[in-house]
Amino acid sequence: MIKGLVSVIIPTYNRADYVVEALRSAQAQTYPLKQIIIVDDGSCDDTARRVAAFEGVEYYYQKNRGQGAARNYGLRLARGEYVASLDSDDLWDEDFLARSVECLEAFELDFAFANWTKERDGQSSPSEWLRNGKWRAYQTRRRGDWSLLSPAEVRKLFLEMCPAPSSSLLVRRDSIVSGWGEHMQIADDWYLILEMALHHPCSAAFSLTPRWKKRVDGKNVYDGRPFAETARKLHLHDYRRFRRDFSSRLTRRERFSLARHSTLYRLRLLLHESARTDLAERLKIPLVIARRYFA
């Protein structure tokens, strides 16, 4: 492990144009000590040829196994004290790593995450984390641009939601337990942090300043997908795996909370699908309301 080095893992699958731009944003970081690892998760486009044009980049290929497996492949090759993972459809601002490393070192944290903006068809919108306002309850300890989280706050927050997609994170390598959740269909990044928080006390920080961009085009793992598709994968499949894998480390109240979230989304999915049936049309169920709440 090399002190001060950030190992940047970029998983990609058939995103040749996007991954080139993501790679450029990683190389453009003002932070000088970085190892850039591209893990090609079975692409059949010209990703390999496009990446070969860049110097100082490590390129590895694996058969298609999903984004979590690709990140963990990169993690096994990482030599840095810190680890970051940039999705191939995302772009970091040039000071993303510098500000994140500065935060981890100043406050001796396990991880930090930064806010982001979403871009689709040339339009920019704020992140869900900023819009839902739940960050307000976790701003009791402000340090400049950062809000510090105690281990208890990290555990509580990440059992409720995941405000830190992979591209937002900088993690101390020694704090990682097993890595990203390879068996998760969407929430491999959530699994990474939740496993850390449940295995040992984790201190963290977040910034509401947007320092990266999520490009939404309908091909993302989560963003821009139909509600029913993401609900089945995230709230039905992935929640079940959370409860199975972490059950022994959860309190009774925490197990109940996860079960409640899963049940609520099962109900939401049922209502969403019922509103689109012939019966719903015959009964004149107001689809405009259904679309508003369940789209």
Protein backbone atom coordinates (compact mmCIF):
# COMPACT_ATOMS: atom_id res chain seq x y z
CA MET A 1 0.00 0.00 0.00
CA ILE A 2 1.40 3.38 -1.01
CA LYS A 3 0.69 6.22 1.42
CA GLY A 4 -1.18 9.12 -0.13
CA LEU A 5 -1.89 7.27 -3.37
CA VAL A 6 -5.49 7.18 -4.62
CA SER A 7 -6.41 4.09 -6.63
CA VAL A 8 -9.15 5.08 -9.07
CA ILE A 9 -11.24 2.16 -10.34
CA ILE A 10 -13.34 2.76 -13.47
CA PRO A 11 -15.67 -0.16 -14.31
CA THR A 12 -17.18 -0.10 -17.79
CA TYR A 13 -19.39 -2.15 -20.07
CA ASN A 14 -20.03 -1.14 -23.69
CA ARG A 15 -19.59 2.56 -22.94
CA ALA A 16 -16.60 3.35 -25.18
CA ASP A 17 -17.47 7.02 -25.73
CA TYR A 18 -18.43 7.67 -22.14
CA VAL A 19 -15.49 5.86 -20.58
CA VAL A 20 -13.03 7.98 -22.57
CA GLU A 21 -14.56 11.14 -21.11
CA ALA A 22 -14.63 9.65 -17.60
CA LEU A 23 -10.99 8.66 -17.97
CA ARG A 24 -10.06 12.18 -19.01
CA SER A 25 -11.80 13.58 -15.93
CA ALA A 26 -9.80 11.16 -13.74
CA GLN A 27 -6.54 12.14 -15.40
CA ALA A 28 -7.38 15.84 -15.08
CA GLN A 29 -7.56 15.66 -11.28
CA THR A 30 -5.39 18.23 -9.56
CA TYR A 31 -4.44 15.60 -6.99
CA PRO A 32 -1.12 14.22 -8.30
CA LEU A 33 -0.83 10.76 -6.69
CA LYS A 34 -3.23 8.45 -8.47
CA GLN A 35 -3.37 4.98 -9.98
CA ILE A 36 -6.04 4.67 -12.67
CA ILE A 37 -7.47 1.21 -13.28
CA ILE A 38 -9.98 0.46 -16.05
CA VAL A 39 -11.90 -2.79 -15.58
CA ASP A 40 -13.71 -3.77 -18.79
CA ASP A 41 -16.64 -5.96 -17.75
CA GLY A 42 -16.93 -7.91 -21.00
CA SER A 43 -17.47 -5.07 -23.50
CA CYS A 44 -17.96 -6.01 -27.15
CA ASP A 45 -17.45 -2.49 -28.51
CA ASP A 46 -14.10 -0.76 -29.09
CA THR A 47 -13.46 0.11 -25.44
CA ALA A 48 -10.05 -1.64 -25.40
CA ARG A 49 -8.80 0.25 -28.45
CA ARG A 50 -10.03 3.60 -27.16
CA VAL A 51 -8.47 3.14 -23.73
CA ALA A 52 -5.15 1.98 -25.25
CA ALA A 53 -4.62 5.52 -26.54
CA PHE A 54 -4.12 6.79 -22.96
CA GLU A 55 -0.78 6.59 -21.19
CA GLY A 56 -0.45 5.71 -17.52
CA VAL A 57 -3.70 3.76 -17.39
CA GLU A 58 -3.99 0.11 -16.36
CA TYR A 59 -6.52 -1.79 -18.48
CA TYR A 60 -7.97 -5.18 -17.47
CA TYR A 61 -10.67 -7.31 -19.09
CA GLN A 62 -13.04 -9.81 -17.48
CA LYS A 63 -16.07 -11.72 -18.67
CA ASN A 64 -19.29 -9.87 -17.93
CA ARG A 65 -20.06 -10.28 -14.22
CA GLY A 66 -21.60 -6.94 -13.24
CA GLN A 67 -20.36 -3.64 -11.86
CA GLY A 68 -19.71 -4.93 -8.33
CA ALA A 69 -17.43 -7.71 -9.57
CA ALA A 70 -15.64 -5.25 -11.85
CA ARG A 71 -14.96 -2.85 -8.97
CA ASN A 72 -13.68 -5.69 -6.78
CA TYR A 73 -11.34 -6.81 -9.56
CA GLY A 74 -9.92 -3.30 -9.52
CA LEU A 75 -9.78 -3.33 -5.72
CA ARG A 76 -7.54 -6.40 -5.78
CA LEU A 77 -5.14 -4.48 -8.02
CA ALA A 78 -5.28 -1.25 -6.02
CA ARG A 79 -2.05 -0.11 -4.40
CA GLY A 80 -3.31 3.12 -2.86
CA GLU A 81 -4.03 4.18 0.70
CA TYR A 82 -7.31 5.52 -0.64
CA VAL A 83 -9.78 4.04 -3.13
CA ALA A 84 -12.28 5.77 -5.40
CA SER A 85 -14.52 4.31 -8.09
CA LEU A 86 -15.70 6.44 -11.00
CA ASP A 87 -18.57 5.01 -13.07
CA SER A 88 -17.87 5.27 -16.78
CA ASP A 89 -20.95 7.47 -17.30
CA ASP A 90 -19.86 9.97 -14.63
CA LEU A 91 -17.46 12.91 -14.61
CA TRP A 92 -15.48 14.31 -11.67
CA ASP A 93 -14.74 17.99 -11.25
CA GLU A 94 -10.98 18.49 -11.32
CA ASP A 95 -10.71 19.09 -7.56
CA PHE A 96 -12.83 16.09 -6.52
CA LEU A 97 -9.95 13.93 -5.31
CA ALA A 98 -7.92 16.78 -3.83
CA ARG A 99 -10.79 18.01 -1.68
CA SER A 100 -11.79 14.49 -0.63
CA VAL A 101 -8.26 13.45 0.36
CA GLU A 102 -7.86 16.70 2.25
CA CYS A 103 -11.04 15.93 4.19
CA LEU A 104 -10.07 12.36 5.09
CA GLU A 105 -6.63 13.40 6.27
CA ALA A 106 -7.77 16.49 8.20
CA PHE A 107 -10.45 14.65 10.20
CA GLU A 108 -9.01 11.10 10.14
CA LEU A 109 -12.14 9.64 8.53
CA ASP A 110 -12.98 6.29 6.97
CA PHE A 111 -14.73 7.81 3.97
CA ALA A 112 -16.18 11.00 2.52
CA PHE A 113 -18.77 11.64 -0.16
CA ALA A 114 -19.62 14.67 -2.26
CA ASN A 115 -22.87 15.86 -3.77
CA TRP A 116 -23.56 15.69 -7.52
CA THR A 117 -25.77 16.94 -10.34
CA LYS A 118 -27.65 14.88 -12.92
CA GLU A 119 -27.47 15.74 -16.59
CA ARG A 120 -29.94 14.47 -19.16
CA ASP A 121 -30.57 15.80 -22.67
CA GLY A 122 -28.56 18.90 -21.89
CA GLN A 123 -30.59 19.68 -18.76
CA SER A 124 -29.11 19.71 -15.26
CA SER A 125 -30.97 18.76 -12.08
CA PRO A 126 -29.97 18.35 -8.41
CA SER A 127 -29.26 15.00 -6.81
CA GLU A 128 -31.92 13.05 -4.91
CA TRP A 129 -29.79 13.48 -1.77
CA LEU A 130 -30.06 17.27 -2.05
CA ARG A 131 -33.77 17.24 -2.96
CA ASN A 132 -35.02 14.95 -0.21
CA GLY A 133 -33.61 17.20 2.51
CA LYS A 134 -32.66 14.35 4.84
CA TRP A 135 -29.14 15.76 5.05
CA ARG A 136 -30.44 18.53 7.34
CA ALA A 137 -30.61 16.15 10.30
CA TYR A 138 -26.92 15.32 9.82
CA GLN A 139 -25.45 18.81 9.72
CA THR A 140 -24.83 19.22 13.44
CA ARG A 141 -21.03 19.32 13.05
CA ARG A 142 -20.01 21.59 10.22
CA ARG A 143 -16.34 22.01 9.37
CA GLY A 144 -16.09 24.41 6.47
CA ASP A 145 -17.55 22.72 3.40
CA TRP A 146 -17.94 19.37 5.19
CA SER A 147 -20.47 17.95 7.63
CA LEU A 148 -18.94 15.32 9.92
CA LEU A 149 -20.76 12.09 10.76
CA SER A 150 -20.16 10.04 13.91
CA PRO A 151 -20.15 6.22 13.69
CA ALA A 152 -23.70 6.15 15.09
CA GLU A 153 -24.86 8.66 12.47
CA VAL A 154 -23.17 6.73 9.66
CA ARG A 155 -24.90 3.54 10.74
CA LYS A 156 -28.31 5.21 11.08
CA LEU A 157 -28.08 7.09 7.77
CA PHE A 158 -26.91 4.17 5.65
CA LEU A 159 -29.44 1.76 7.11
CA GLU A 160 -32.12 4.19 5.95
CA MET A 161 -30.78 5.11 2.52
CA CYS A 162 -27.68 5.37 0.35
CA PRO A 163 -26.76 9.03 -0.25
CA ALA A 164 -23.35 8.08 -1.65
CA PRO A 165 -23.20 6.45 -5.10
CA SER A 166 -19.79 4.99 -5.93
CA SER A 167 -18.63 8.02 -7.91
CA SER A 168 -19.20 10.27 -4.88
CA LEU A 169 -16.96 8.27 -2.55
CA LEU A 170 -13.36 8.34 -1.41
CA VAL A 171 -12.69 5.45 1.00
CA ARG A 172 -9.70 4.60 3.15
CA ARG A 173 -8.45 1.23 1.90
CA ASP A 174 -7.95 -0.21 5.39
CA SER A 175 -11.59 0.51 6.26
CA ILE A 176 -13.04 -1.67 3.49
CA VAL A 177 -14.25 -5.06 4.71
CA SER A 178 -14.86 -7.24 1.63
CA GLY A 179 -15.61 -4.69 -1.07
CA TRP A 180 -18.57 -3.91 -3.29
CA GLY A 181 -21.51 -6.31 -3.16
CA GLU A 182 -21.09 -8.49 -6.24
CA HIS A 183 -24.43 -10.23 -5.69
CA MET A 184 -26.36 -6.96 -5.56
CA GLN A 185 -28.25 -6.01 -8.71
CA ILE A 186 -28.03 -2.27 -8.08
CA ALA A 187 -26.76 -1.50 -4.56
CA ASP A 188 -23.16 -2.75 -4.73
CA ASP A 189 -21.95 0.66 -3.47
CA TRP A 190 -24.49 0.71 -0.65
CA TYR A 191 -23.33 -2.76 0.37
CA LEU A 192 -19.71 -1.54 0.57
CA ILE A 193 -20.48 1.23 3.05
CA LEU A 194 -23.13 -0.60 5.05
CA GLU A 195 -20.80 -3.56 5.56
CA MET A 196 -18.13 -1.19 6.84
CA ALA A 197 -20.53 0.59 9.20
CA LEU A 198 -21.83 -2.68 10.65
CA HIS A 199 -18.40 -4.31 11.12
CA HIS A 200 -16.56 -1.48 12.84
CA PRO A 201 -17.21 2.14 13.88
CA CYS A 202 -16.89 4.37 10.81
CA SER A 203 -16.50 8.13 10.82
CA ALA A 204 -17.34 10.03 7.65
CA ALA A 205 -18.18 13.40 6.14
CA PHE A 206 -20.28 14.74 3.31
CA SER A 207 -20.29 17.91 1.27
CA LEU A 208 -23.37 19.42 -0.38
CA THR A 209 -21.16 21.12 -2.95
CA PRO A 210 -21.63 19.28 -6.27
CA ARG A 211 -18.23 17.93 -7.33
CA TRP A 212 -19.25 15.44 -10.02
CA LYS A 213 -21.85 14.82 -12.73
CA LYS A 214 -24.06 11.82 -13.42
CA ARG A 215 -24.91 11.54 -17.12
CA VAL A 216 -28.35 9.93 -17.45
CA ASP A 217 -29.25 8.32 -20.77
CA GLY A 218 -31.47 5.34 -19.93
CA LYS A 219 -28.57 2.89 -19.96
CA ASN A 220 -27.45 3.56 -16.38
CA VAL A 221 -27.67 0.83 -13.77
CA TYR A 222 -30.14 2.86 -11.71
CA ASP A 223 -30.78 6.44 -12.87
CA GLY A 224 -33.36 6.88 -15.60
CA ARG A 225 -34.71 3.34 -15.36
CA PRO A 226 -38.47 2.67 -15.00
CA PHE A 227 -39.67 2.61 -11.39
CA ALA A 228 -40.93 -0.99 -11.55
CA GLU A 229 -37.57 -2.28 -12.81
CA THR A 230 -35.48 -0.55 -10.17
CA ALA A 231 -37.97 -1.38 -7.38
CA ARG A 232 -37.74 -5.10 -8.13
CA LYS A 233 -33.95 -5.06 -8.23
CA LEU A 234 -33.21 -2.69 -5.37
CA HIS A 235 -36.05 -2.92 -2.89
CA LEU A 236 -37.09 -6.53 -3.45
CA HIS A 237 -33.86 -8.34 -4.36
CA ASP A 238 -31.13 -6.20 -2.78
CA TYR A 239 -32.97 -5.44 0.46
CA ARG A 240 -33.49 -9.16 0.93
CA ARG A 241 -29.76 -9.72 0.59
CA PHE A 242 -29.00 -6.94 3.06
CA ARG A 243 -31.23 -8.57 5.62
CA ARG A 244 -29.73 -12.01 5.02
CA ASP A 245 -26.06 -10.98 5.01
CA PHE A 246 -26.21 -8.48 7.87
CA SER A 247 -28.90 -9.99 10.10
CA SER A 248 -26.48 -11.06 12.84
CA ARG A 249 -25.10 -7.52 13.10
CA LEU A 250 -28.45 -5.72 13.20
CA THR A 251 -30.50 -4.84 16.24
CA ARG A 252 -34.12 -5.94 16.37
CA ARG A 253 -35.21 -2.40 15.54
CA GLU A 254 -32.85 -2.24 12.55
CA ARG A 255 -34.11 -5.56 11.19
CA PHE A 256 -37.67 -4.29 11.53
CA SER A 257 -36.75 -1.07 9.73
CA LEU A 258 -35.30 -2.93 6.74
CA ALA A 259 -38.32 -5.22 6.62
CA ARG A 260 -40.62 -2.20 6.75
CA HIS A 261 -38.83 -0.50 3.86
CA SER A 262 -39.08 -3.67 1.80
CA THR A 263 -42.79 -4.07 2.58
CA LEU A 264 -43.57 -0.46 1.69
CA TYR A 265 -41.89 -0.82 -1.68
CA ARG A 266 -43.69 -4.09 -2.36
CA LEU A 267 -46.94 -2.21 -1.77
CA ARG A 268 -45.80 0.71 -3.90
CA LEU A 269 -44.83 -1.66 -6.72
CA LEU A 270 -48.19 -3.44 -6.46
CA LEU A 271 -50.09 -0.15 -6.70
CA HIS A 272 -47.88 1.00 -9.55
CA GLU A 273 -48.57 -2.12 -11.59
CA SER A 274 -52.28 -2.26 -10.67
CA ALA A 275 -52.76 1.26 -11.98
CA ARG A 276 -51.65 0.07 -15.42
CA THR A 277 -54.06 -2.84 -15.84
CA ASP A 278 -57.25 -3.06 -17.89
CA LEU A 279 -59.18 -3.27 -14.65
CA ALA A 280 -57.72 0.03 -13.50
CA GLU A 281 -58.83 1.64 -16.74
CA ARG A 282 -62.35 0.24 -16.42
CA LEU A 283 -62.56 1.47 -12.84
CA LYS A 284 -61.28 4.88 -13.97
CA ILE A 285 -58.39 4.91 -11.50
CA PRO A 286 -56.75 8.32 -11.95
CA LEU A 287 -53.57 7.31 -13.76
CA VAL A 288 -52.24 10.84 -13.62
CA ILE A 289 -51.99 10.47 -9.84
CA ALA A 290 -50.45 7.03 -10.16
CA ARG A 291 -47.85 8.37 -12.57
CA ARG A 292 -47.08 11.27 -10.27
CA TYR A 293 -46.33 9.08 -7.27
CA PHE A 294 -45.13 5.85 -8.86
CA ALA A 295 -43.48 6.79 -12.17
